Protein backbone atom coordinates (compact mmCIF):
# COMPACT_ATOMS: atom_id res chain seq x y z
CA MET A 1 137.96 130.48 142.00
CA ARG A 2 139.21 133.41 139.93
CA PRO A 3 142.86 133.38 138.79
CA PRO A 4 145.15 135.88 140.51
CA ALA A 5 145.24 139.37 139.05
CA ARG A 6 148.98 139.04 138.25
CA SER A 7 148.53 135.90 136.12
CA THR A 8 145.54 137.47 134.37
CA GLY A 9 147.63 140.53 133.52
CA LEU A 10 150.43 138.36 132.13
CA LEU A 11 147.98 136.45 129.94
CA LEU A 12 146.49 139.71 128.67
CA TRP A 13 149.92 141.15 127.85
CA ALA A 14 150.95 137.93 126.09
CA ALA A 15 147.78 138.00 123.97
CA LEU A 16 148.41 141.61 122.97
CA ALA A 17 152.08 140.88 122.18
CA VAL A 18 151.20 138.18 119.64
CA PRO A 19 150.04 140.59 116.87
CA VAL A 20 153.15 142.76 117.40
CA ALA A 21 155.51 139.82 116.96
CA ALA A 22 153.48 138.26 114.13
CA ALA A 23 153.25 141.45 112.06
CA GLY A 24 157.02 141.95 112.22
CA ARG A 25 157.80 138.28 111.65
CA LEU A 26 155.56 137.95 108.61
CA GLY A 27 156.70 141.25 107.15
CA LEU A 28 153.24 142.77 107.20
CA GLU A 29 154.60 145.92 108.87
CA ARG A 30 158.19 147.09 108.83
CA THR A 31 158.99 148.25 112.34
CA PRO A 32 162.50 148.43 113.87
CA LEU A 33 163.24 146.05 116.69
CA TRP A 34 163.71 148.85 119.19
CA ALA A 35 160.26 150.23 118.26
CA GLN A 36 158.69 146.80 118.78
CA LEU A 37 160.34 146.41 122.19
CA THR A 38 159.21 149.91 123.18
CA GLY A 39 155.66 149.13 122.12
CA LEU A 40 155.66 145.90 124.14
CA ALA A 41 156.91 147.80 127.19
CA VAL A 42 154.14 150.38 126.82
CA LEU A 43 151.55 147.58 126.52
CA ALA A 44 152.99 145.98 129.68
CA ALA A 45 152.57 149.29 131.54
CA ALA A 46 148.99 149.58 130.26
CA THR A 47 148.26 146.03 131.41
CA ALA A 48 149.60 146.80 134.88
CA LEU A 49 147.46 149.94 135.20
CA HIS A 50 144.19 148.81 133.62
CA ARG A 51 142.59 147.83 136.96
CA THR A 52 143.36 150.99 138.92
CA TRP A 53 143.70 153.56 136.10
CA PRO A 54 141.72 152.22 133.12
CA ALA A 55 141.65 155.56 131.26
CA THR A 56 145.43 155.90 131.54
CA ALA A 57 145.81 152.31 130.32
CA LEU A 58 143.71 153.16 127.25
CA LEU A 59 145.90 156.16 126.42
CA LEU A 60 149.05 154.08 126.80
CA ALA A 61 147.64 151.35 124.57
CA ALA A 62 146.79 153.93 121.90
CA ALA A 63 150.24 155.56 121.97
CA PRO A 64 152.14 152.89 119.93
CA GLY A 65 149.45 152.89 117.25
CA ILE A 66 149.56 156.67 116.86
CA ALA A 67 153.36 156.65 116.88
CA THR A 68 153.43 153.99 114.17
CA SER A 69 150.61 155.38 112.02
CA PRO A 70 148.81 158.73 112.35
CA SER A 71 145.61 157.08 111.14
CA PHE A 72 145.66 154.90 114.31
CA PHE A 73 145.19 151.80 112.15
CA THR A 74 147.95 149.23 112.54
CA LEU A 75 148.05 145.46 112.50
CA SER A 76 150.47 145.35 115.40
CA TYR A 77 148.62 147.55 117.88
CA GLY A 78 145.09 147.72 116.46
CA CYS A 79 143.51 145.30 118.95
CA ALA A 80 145.13 146.79 122.07
CA PRO A 81 142.99 149.99 122.19
CA ALA A 82 139.85 147.91 121.59
CA VAL A 83 140.68 145.61 124.53
CA PHE A 84 141.48 148.43 126.94
CA ALA A 85 138.44 150.45 125.77
CA PHE A 86 136.28 147.41 126.55
CA LEU A 87 137.89 147.15 130.00
CA LEU A 88 137.33 150.89 130.47
CA GLY A 89 133.59 150.41 129.96
CA LEU A 90 133.61 147.28 132.11
CA ARG A 91 135.24 149.09 135.04
CA GLY A 92 132.42 151.65 135.15
CA THR A 93 134.62 154.70 134.64
CA ALA A 94 132.74 157.99 134.38
CA THR A 95 131.49 158.82 130.91
CA GLY A 96 133.24 162.19 130.90
CA VAL A 97 136.63 160.59 131.58
CA ALA A 98 136.15 158.09 128.76
CA LEU A 99 135.09 160.78 126.29
CA LEU A 100 138.09 162.91 127.24
CA SER A 101 140.34 159.90 126.62
CA PHE A 102 138.88 159.37 123.15
CA ALA A 103 139.19 163.10 122.43
CA ALA A 104 142.86 163.00 123.48
CA VAL A 105 143.54 160.11 121.08
CA ALA A 106 141.75 161.94 118.25
CA ALA A 107 143.67 165.15 118.98
CA ALA A 108 147.03 163.35 119.00
CA GLY A 109 146.29 161.64 115.69
CA THR A 110 145.04 164.87 114.13
CA ALA A 111 148.16 166.73 115.27
CA LYS A 112 150.43 164.12 113.73
CA ILE A 113 148.49 164.22 110.47
CA ALA A 114 148.90 167.99 110.37
CA VAL A 115 152.66 167.80 111.09
CA ARG A 116 153.31 165.16 108.41
CA GLN A 117 151.70 167.38 105.73
CA VAL A 118 150.05 164.46 103.97
CA ASP A 119 146.55 164.24 102.54
CA PRO A 120 144.53 165.13 105.70
CA ALA A 121 141.16 163.93 104.47
CA ALA A 122 142.06 160.29 103.86
CA GLU A 123 144.24 160.00 106.96
CA TRP A 124 141.68 161.68 109.19
CA LEU A 125 138.92 159.51 107.71
CA VAL A 126 140.82 156.36 108.68
CA LEU A 127 141.66 157.84 112.10
CA MET A 128 138.02 158.58 112.95
CA GLY A 129 136.80 155.22 111.64
CA THR A 130 139.43 153.32 113.62
CA LEU A 131 138.70 155.34 116.76
CA LEU A 132 134.96 154.81 116.42
CA PHE A 133 134.91 151.10 115.63
CA GLY A 134 138.12 150.16 117.43
CA ALA A 135 137.64 152.09 120.68
CA VAL A 136 134.24 153.75 121.15
CA PHE A 137 132.15 150.73 120.23
CA PRO A 138 134.16 148.31 122.44
CA TRP A 139 133.78 150.82 125.29
CA LEU A 140 130.00 150.85 124.77
CA ILE A 141 129.95 147.05 124.71
CA GLY A 142 131.83 146.98 128.01
CA ARG A 143 129.36 149.44 129.52
CA TYR A 144 126.41 147.33 128.34
CA TRP A 145 127.95 144.16 129.77
CA ARG A 146 128.59 145.87 133.11
CA GLN A 147 125.02 147.25 133.28
CA SER A 148 123.64 143.83 132.40
CA ARG A 149 125.58 142.22 135.25
CA GLU A 150 124.52 144.95 137.67
CA LEU A 151 120.89 144.52 136.65
CA THR A 152 121.14 140.77 137.14
CA ALA A 153 122.65 141.22 140.61
CA ALA A 154 120.03 143.84 141.44
CA GLY A 155 117.33 141.45 140.25
CA TRP A 156 118.49 138.69 142.58
CA ALA A 157 118.76 141.15 145.46
CA ARG A 158 115.27 142.42 144.65
CA ALA A 159 113.96 138.85 144.58
CA GLU A 160 115.40 138.20 148.04
CA GLN A 161 113.90 141.46 149.29
CA LEU A 162 110.51 140.56 147.81
CA GLU A 163 110.68 137.18 149.49
CA ARG A 164 111.32 138.83 152.85
CA GLU A 165 108.53 141.33 152.24
CA HIS A 166 106.24 138.48 151.25
CA ARG A 167 106.86 136.77 154.57
CA ILE A 168 106.22 140.04 156.42
CA ILE A 169 103.02 140.64 154.44
CA ALA A 170 101.88 137.08 155.13
CA ASP A 171 102.44 137.58 158.86
CA ARG A 172 100.52 140.85 158.78
CA ALA A 173 97.72 139.20 156.83
CA ARG A 174 97.44 136.50 159.48
CA LEU A 175 97.28 139.13 162.21
CA ARG A 176 94.60 141.06 160.33
CA GLU A 177 92.64 137.86 159.76
CA ARG A 178 92.78 137.00 163.45
CA ALA A 179 91.62 140.49 164.33
CA ARG A 180 88.76 140.13 161.86
CA ILE A 181 87.82 136.78 163.33
CA ALA A 182 87.76 138.31 166.79
CA GLN A 183 85.59 141.17 165.54
CA ASP A 184 83.21 138.76 163.79
CA MET A 185 82.87 136.70 166.93
CA HIS A 186 82.30 139.79 169.02
CA ASP A 187 79.67 141.16 166.65
CA SER A 188 77.89 137.97 165.61
CA LEU A 189 77.91 136.06 168.87
CA GLY A 190 77.38 139.21 170.89
CA HIS A 191 74.32 139.99 168.77
CA GLU A 192 72.95 136.49 169.22
CA LEU A 193 73.51 136.60 172.96
CA SER A 194 71.76 139.97 173.10
CA LEU A 195 68.75 138.48 171.32
CA ILE A 196 68.77 135.56 173.77
CA ALA A 197 68.79 138.04 176.65
CA LEU A 198 65.93 139.92 174.94
CA ARG A 199 63.85 136.74 174.66
CA ALA A 200 64.60 135.89 178.26
CA GLY A 201 63.45 139.35 179.31
CA ALA A 202 60.21 138.83 177.40
CA LEU A 203 59.65 135.56 179.19
CA GLN A 204 60.37 137.22 182.51
CA VAL A 205 57.51 139.71 182.10
CA ALA A 206 55.13 137.36 180.30
CA PRO A 207 51.75 137.00 182.16
CA GLY A 208 50.90 133.68 183.72
CA MET A 209 54.49 132.73 184.49
CA ALA A 210 55.26 131.07 187.77
CA GLY A 211 57.67 132.78 190.14
CA ALA A 212 60.29 130.10 189.70
CA HIS A 213 60.07 130.46 185.93
CA ARG A 214 60.39 134.23 186.14
CA THR A 215 63.45 133.84 188.30
CA ALA A 216 64.96 131.37 185.80
CA ALA A 217 64.25 133.73 182.92
CA ALA A 218 65.88 136.59 184.84
CA GLU A 219 68.93 134.47 185.52
CA LEU A 220 69.07 133.44 181.84
CA ARG A 221 68.93 137.06 180.80
CA ALA A 222 71.70 138.00 183.25
CA ALA A 223 73.81 135.04 182.14
CA ALA A 224 73.48 136.02 178.46
CA SER A 225 74.48 139.59 179.27
CA ASP A 226 77.46 138.42 181.30
CA ALA A 227 78.45 136.03 178.51
CA THR A 228 78.52 138.95 176.07
CA ASP A 229 80.93 140.84 178.30
CA ARG A 230 83.12 137.82 178.90
CA LEU A 231 83.18 137.14 175.15
CA HIS A 232 84.75 140.52 174.60
CA ASP A 233 87.47 139.79 177.18
CA MET A 234 88.19 136.27 176.00
CA VAL A 235 88.21 136.88 172.27
CA GLY A 236 91.74 138.29 172.56
CA LEU A 237 93.02 134.77 173.20
CA LEU A 238 92.33 133.99 169.55
CA ARG A 239 95.05 136.42 168.48
CA GLU A 240 97.69 134.37 170.30
CA ASP A 241 97.03 131.31 168.14
CA ASP A 242 99.57 130.68 165.37
CA GLU A 243 97.17 128.80 163.13
CA PRO A 244 95.10 130.99 160.80
CA ALA A 245 91.45 130.06 160.96
CA PRO A 246 89.49 132.23 158.51
CA LEU A 247 85.88 132.86 159.39
CA ALA A 248 83.61 133.75 156.50
CA PRO A 249 81.41 136.78 157.02
CA PRO A 250 77.72 136.06 157.53
CA GLY A 251 75.73 135.82 154.32
CA GLU A 252 72.62 137.26 155.95
CA SER A 253 71.09 140.33 154.33
CA ILE A 254 70.12 143.51 156.15
CA ALA A 255 66.41 142.76 155.74
CA ALA A 256 66.90 139.26 157.18
CA LEU A 257 68.82 140.75 160.12
CA ILE A 258 65.96 143.17 160.88
CA GLU A 259 63.38 140.40 160.53
CA ARG A 260 65.22 138.04 162.88
CA ALA A 261 65.61 140.79 165.48
CA ALA A 262 61.88 141.55 165.25
CA ASP A 263 61.04 137.85 165.67
CA SER A 264 63.15 137.85 168.84
CA GLY A 265 60.91 140.53 170.34
CA LEU A 266 62.80 143.70 169.48
CA PRO A 267 60.36 146.41 168.27
CA VAL A 268 62.32 147.43 165.16
CA THR A 269 61.13 149.09 161.95
CA LEU A 270 63.06 149.31 158.69
CA HIS A 271 62.73 152.21 156.21
CA ARG A 272 64.83 151.40 153.16
CA THR A 273 65.46 153.30 149.92
CA ASP A 274 67.62 151.57 147.31
CA THR A 275 68.29 153.30 143.98
CA THR A 276 71.60 151.71 143.04
CA ALA A 277 73.79 148.74 143.84
CA THR A 278 76.75 149.04 146.17
CA SER A 279 80.00 147.23 146.75
CA ALA A 280 80.43 144.20 148.97
CA THR A 281 82.65 146.16 151.37
CA THR A 282 80.03 148.88 151.81
CA THR A 283 77.27 146.28 152.32
CA ARG A 284 79.32 144.43 154.91
CA THR A 285 80.14 147.66 156.80
CA THR A 286 76.47 148.73 156.74
CA TYR A 287 75.42 145.33 158.05
CA ARG A 288 77.92 145.64 160.93
CA VAL A 289 76.69 149.12 161.83
CA ILE A 290 73.05 147.98 162.00
CA GLN A 291 73.94 144.78 163.84
CA GLU A 292 75.97 146.59 166.51
CA ALA A 293 73.29 149.27 166.93
CA LEU A 294 70.54 146.64 167.37
CA THR A 295 72.71 144.74 169.85
CA ASN A 296 73.27 147.89 171.92
CA ALA A 297 69.56 148.78 171.76
CA ALA A 298 68.52 145.31 172.93
CA LYS A 299 71.08 145.40 175.74
CA HIS A 300 70.92 148.99 176.98
CA ALA A 301 67.37 150.01 175.99
CA PRO A 302 65.19 146.92 176.35
CA GLY A 303 61.64 147.41 175.12
CA ALA A 304 62.42 150.73 173.36
CA PRO A 305 61.22 151.04 169.75
CA VAL A 306 64.03 151.05 167.18
CA THR A 307 63.91 152.69 163.75
CA VAL A 308 66.37 151.83 161.02
CA GLU A 309 66.62 154.18 158.02
CA HIS A 310 68.72 152.81 155.22
CA ALA A 311 69.26 154.70 151.94
CA GLN A 312 71.78 154.12 149.17
CA ASN A 313 72.25 155.98 145.90
CA GLU A 314 75.03 156.97 143.51
CA SER A 315 76.70 159.25 146.05
CA GLY A 316 76.89 156.65 148.82
CA THR A 317 75.06 154.79 151.59
CA THR A 318 73.48 156.38 154.67
CA VAL A 319 72.13 154.48 157.65
CA ASP A 320 70.53 155.86 160.86
CA ILE A 321 69.51 153.63 163.79
CA THR A 322 67.51 155.42 166.50
CA ASN A 323 65.96 153.95 169.64
CA GLY A 324 63.58 155.57 172.12
CA ARG A 325 63.41 155.55 175.89
CA PRO A 326 63.96 152.08 177.46
CA ARG A 327 60.85 150.50 179.03
CA HIS A 328 62.70 147.96 181.20
CA ARG A 329 65.79 148.04 183.36
CA ALA A 330 68.87 148.40 181.18
CA GLY A 331 71.78 145.99 181.30
CA PRO A 332 75.26 146.90 182.54
CA ALA A 333 77.23 149.48 180.55
CA GLY A 334 79.51 148.09 177.88
CA SER A 335 83.12 148.92 177.04
CA GLY A 336 82.27 150.80 173.86
CA THR A 337 84.81 148.91 171.75
CA GLY A 338 82.09 147.88 169.30
CA LEU A 339 81.31 151.49 168.38
CA ILE A 340 85.03 152.29 168.22
CA GLY A 341 85.57 149.46 165.74
CA LEU A 342 82.62 150.65 163.65
CA ARG A 343 83.98 154.19 163.55
CA ALA A 344 87.38 152.92 162.37
CA GLY A 345 85.79 150.76 159.68
CA VAL A 346 83.58 153.55 158.33
CA THR A 347 86.29 156.20 158.32
CA ALA A 348 88.65 153.78 156.58
CA LEU A 349 86.21 153.84 153.66
CA GLY A 350 86.20 157.64 153.62
CA GLY A 351 82.88 157.98 155.46
CA SER A 352 81.64 159.56 158.67
CA PHE A 353 80.30 157.95 161.84
CA GLU A 354 78.38 159.47 164.75
CA ALA A 355 76.93 157.86 167.88
CA GLY A 356 75.36 159.58 170.87
CA PRO A 357 72.19 160.47 172.79
CA HIS A 358 69.25 161.56 170.67
CA GLY A 359 66.14 162.85 172.43
CA GLU A 360 65.15 160.30 175.06
CA GLY A 361 67.09 157.56 173.41
CA TYR A 362 70.22 156.95 171.38
CA ARG A 363 71.22 157.32 167.73
CA VAL A 364 73.89 155.73 165.54
CA SER A 365 74.51 157.31 162.12
CA ALA A 366 76.94 156.35 159.36
CA ASN A 367 77.54 157.79 155.90
CA ILE A 368 79.69 155.73 153.50
CA PRO A 369 80.53 157.39 150.15
CA THR A 370 80.69 155.44 146.91
CA ARG A 371 84.25 154.55 146.01
CA LYS A 372 85.29 153.81 142.43
CA THR A 373 87.15 150.58 141.94
CA ALA A 374 90.79 151.33 141.54
CA GLY A 375 92.57 149.90 138.55
CA PRO A 376 95.38 147.43 138.92
CA ASP A 377 98.54 148.82 140.40
CA THR A 378 101.13 148.62 137.71
CA ALA A 379 103.91 149.93 139.94
CA THR A 380 104.67 146.48 141.35
CA PRO A 381 108.24 145.55 142.25
CA GLY A 382 108.47 143.31 139.18
CA ALA A 383 107.18 146.09 136.94
CA LEU A 384 109.65 148.55 138.47
CA PHE A 385 112.55 146.16 137.87
CA THR A 386 111.41 145.54 134.28
CA SER A 387 111.12 149.30 133.74
CA ALA A 388 114.64 149.85 135.08
CA ARG A 389 115.98 147.13 132.81
CA ARG A 390 114.26 148.61 129.77
CA LEU A 391 115.60 152.05 130.71
CA ALA A 392 119.14 150.70 130.93
CA HIS A 393 118.78 148.97 127.56
CA ARG A 394 117.33 152.14 126.08
CA ARG A 395 120.27 154.17 127.36
CA VAL A 396 122.74 151.73 125.86
CA GLY A 397 120.85 151.79 122.57
CA VAL A 398 120.85 155.58 122.57
CA ALA A 399 124.60 155.60 123.27
CA PHE A 400 125.27 153.19 120.40
CA GLY A 401 122.99 155.20 118.12
CA ALA A 402 124.64 158.48 119.07
CA ALA A 403 128.10 157.03 118.50
CA ALA A 404 127.04 155.60 115.14
CA ALA A 405 125.45 158.92 114.15
CA VAL A 406 128.53 160.92 115.11
CA GLY A 407 130.74 158.45 113.32
CA ALA A 408 128.54 158.59 110.23
CA VAL A 409 128.69 162.39 110.23
CA LEU A 410 132.46 162.44 110.70
CA ILE A 411 133.13 159.74 108.13
CA GLY A 412 130.64 161.26 105.71
CA GLY A 413 132.23 164.68 106.09
CA ALA A 414 135.72 163.27 105.68
CA PHE A 415 134.65 161.30 102.62
CA ALA A 416 133.05 164.40 101.12
CA TRP A 417 136.24 166.40 101.71
CA TYR A 418 138.34 163.57 100.31
CA ALA A 419 136.18 163.37 97.19
CA TYR A 420 136.26 167.15 96.79
CA THR A 421 140.04 167.45 97.06
CA LYS A 422 140.67 164.53 94.72
CA THR A 423 138.20 165.49 92.02
CA HIS A 424 139.32 169.14 92.03
CA ALA A 425 142.98 168.18 91.53
CA VAL A 426 142.51 166.34 88.21
CA LEU A 427 144.57 167.38 85.17
CA THR A 428 143.20 165.56 82.14
CA PRO A 429 145.66 163.92 79.74
CA THR A 430 144.48 166.28 76.97
CA ALA A 431 145.29 169.35 79.06
CA TYR A 432 148.63 167.80 80.04
CA VAL A 433 149.60 167.23 76.43
CA ALA A 434 148.63 170.83 75.58
CA LEU A 435 151.12 172.27 78.06
CA LYS A 436 154.36 173.38 76.41
CA ILE A 437 157.79 173.62 77.99
CA GLY A 438 158.81 177.24 78.50
CA THR A 439 155.26 178.54 79.00
CA PRO A 440 155.05 181.08 81.86
CA LEU A 441 153.08 180.14 84.93
CA GLU A 442 150.52 182.92 84.44
CA GLU A 443 149.60 181.44 81.06
CA THR A 444 149.54 177.92 82.41
CA VAL A 445 147.35 178.55 85.47
CA PRO A 446 144.03 178.89 83.53
CA ARG A 447 144.53 175.36 82.20
CA LEU A 448 145.33 173.87 85.64
CA PRO A 449 142.86 172.51 88.26
CA ASP A 450 141.87 174.50 91.34
CA ARG A 451 143.85 172.32 93.75
CA THR A 452 147.04 170.32 93.84
CA ILE A 453 147.79 166.95 95.46
CA SER A 454 148.90 167.36 99.07
CA ASP A 455 150.40 163.84 99.31
CA PRO A 456 152.22 163.35 95.97
CA PRO A 457 153.79 159.95 95.24
CA VAL A 458 157.31 161.37 95.05
CA ASP A 459 158.91 157.97 95.61
CA ARG A 460 157.41 156.62 92.37
CA ALA A 461 158.61 159.50 90.18
CA PRO A 462 160.82 158.23 87.31
CA THR A 463 163.32 161.07 87.81
CA PRO A 464 163.96 163.54 90.62
CA PRO A 465 162.66 167.08 90.07
CA PRO A 466 165.09 169.53 88.48
CA PRO A 467 167.03 171.61 90.99
CA GLY A 468 165.82 175.13 91.66
CA THR A 469 162.25 174.39 90.62
CA ASP A 470 158.83 174.49 92.30
CA CYS A 471 156.86 171.34 91.37
CA ARG A 472 153.11 170.83 91.40
CA TYR A 473 151.35 167.46 91.31
CA TYR A 474 147.96 166.59 89.82
CA ARG A 475 145.87 163.45 89.39
CA ALA A 476 145.35 162.06 85.89
CA SER A 477 141.86 160.70 86.75
CA GLY A 478 138.98 161.51 89.09
CA GLU A 479 138.53 157.90 90.27
CA LEU A 480 138.45 157.45 94.05
CA PHE A 481 140.01 154.76 96.24
CA VAL A 482 141.97 153.30 93.33
CA PRO A 483 145.59 153.92 92.25
CA VAL A 484 145.81 156.48 89.46
CA ASP A 485 148.58 158.14 87.50
CA HIS A 486 149.86 161.56 88.48
CA PHE A 487 151.31 164.47 86.54
CA ARG A 488 154.24 166.55 87.76
CA LEU A 489 154.77 170.11 86.54
CA CYS A 490 157.94 171.90 87.62
CA PHE A 491 158.37 175.67 87.24
CA ASP A 492 161.55 177.65 87.74
CA LYS A 493 161.78 180.13 90.58
CA ASP A 494 162.78 183.21 88.61
CA ASP A 495 160.47 186.08 87.79
CA ARG A 496 158.77 184.44 84.80
CA HIS A 497 158.18 181.05 86.44
CA GLU A 498 158.44 179.16 83.18
CA LEU A 499 157.46 175.50 82.88
CA LEU A 500 160.80 173.66 82.81
CA GLU A 501 159.70 170.03 83.12
CA LYS A 502 156.60 167.90 82.97
CA SER A 503 156.45 164.17 83.69
CA VAL A 504 154.10 161.30 84.45
CA ILE A 505 154.29 159.45 87.77
CA PRO A 506 152.95 155.93 87.20
CA ARG A 507 150.60 154.18 89.53
CA PRO A 508 152.06 151.11 91.32
CA GLY A 509 152.97 148.20 89.05
CA THR A 510 152.33 149.98 85.71
CA THR A 511 155.69 151.52 84.82
CA ASP A 512 155.85 149.99 81.34
CA GLN A 513 152.31 151.06 80.53
CA VAL A 514 153.00 154.57 81.69
CA GLN A 515 156.12 154.79 79.57
CA GLU A 516 154.05 153.82 76.57
CA GLN A 517 151.40 156.44 77.48
CA ARG A 518 154.10 159.09 77.84
CA ARG A 519 155.33 158.34 74.37
CA GLU A 520 151.78 158.57 73.04
CA TRP A 521 151.15 161.90 74.85
CA ALA A 522 154.49 163.28 73.69
CA ARG A 523 153.57 162.79 70.05
């Protein structure tokens, strides 16, 4: 049982409120009480909206952080955007909406950096890093988790579908097996009964037979013919049986089939040309064609000579069975289902089948082309599911890689700009000492760096700047990411712009050392 949505929201808000209260209580961040209460109210609104409007909840969660710090990095509200960005990816919000939300946060932070007129490179560097690792990456993790759950659910659904399809395929296989059994019984037993009728006909016309024996042979022949017809009508009962009873195909070769028919009294001749081997399916189909043709010849053209021409090569297998004019009274006409089944079997293999009168007799012809063995079908349901899973993982990997690449470019560019602005605003101590009070600005400029500091440490200056002056600030060292001393040069605002005051602004915690350095530089 899942907890109610209301209690889950309260727990989420309480978890996000802990850093806000802890940072103020421990003195890690100095925030007025009214600002803390406002931030907690905004987080409560974001918690209430994160299920229905996850993008709006993300923007609300980011608002206190931007209001507190333009770099978007705060101890009080730093985890809130990450949580709501993760929930944004988990809810399956459109990618465009999420990207617009991140762009809105970046634009708000950039605008505040520009308004504050501080060092834009360092602040924007921190803003982009916090946005990337504190919002974009959690959003991608949420998307990956959601896709993983969807793939798992789809996998179980696919497994159930495959199980149902397996049962359907098994039922169809049983039906096809029963139909094959019926066809085997019709062909095999019908052929044997036709040979029995042929032998009985030979006994009927044999010289020296008594009248009673001739009558018995005639009755045996008629009974075998009738049994063949009844077999065709009764074999359908097999398809109603629920128990599968596979019947192996006869292992008799074509030559053995011709020889056995000749021994039964059928005047048959085989002309065979074999230049290459053939598949088992083609051999079986050829055997059935010859067997059915010999059965029809023995039944409908008794005593007629039969010629079987069998040729197989690289292009395929061709078989022609031709019988002449019958010499005895033909049996009753059949239903023709045997030839219909043969035509379906041959055409299913891509071949052609013809059967009809030929001269004074009848001819059955079949041409079965050689078929190359198809390779294994890799597009199985399991392979398709695995491919979809790999595609989803690849998309997530590409998204993470793209985000990391963009972040690397942004951070690298910001770092390069930061390094450029800091290193090109360095006034060496030697150049500082060489500057004399009362020197005009135009004479001082050639000794000054190209740039000035945009975020001077005014609060650490030992004395306030003289009134009516324009002050410029420079770094005393080109070191990056470490506190350094700064120089302040103040020029008057009259026409000559003379240097009225120069001073050293110490780095944090080094006031005594700086005073000593000032005395050394003043000498």
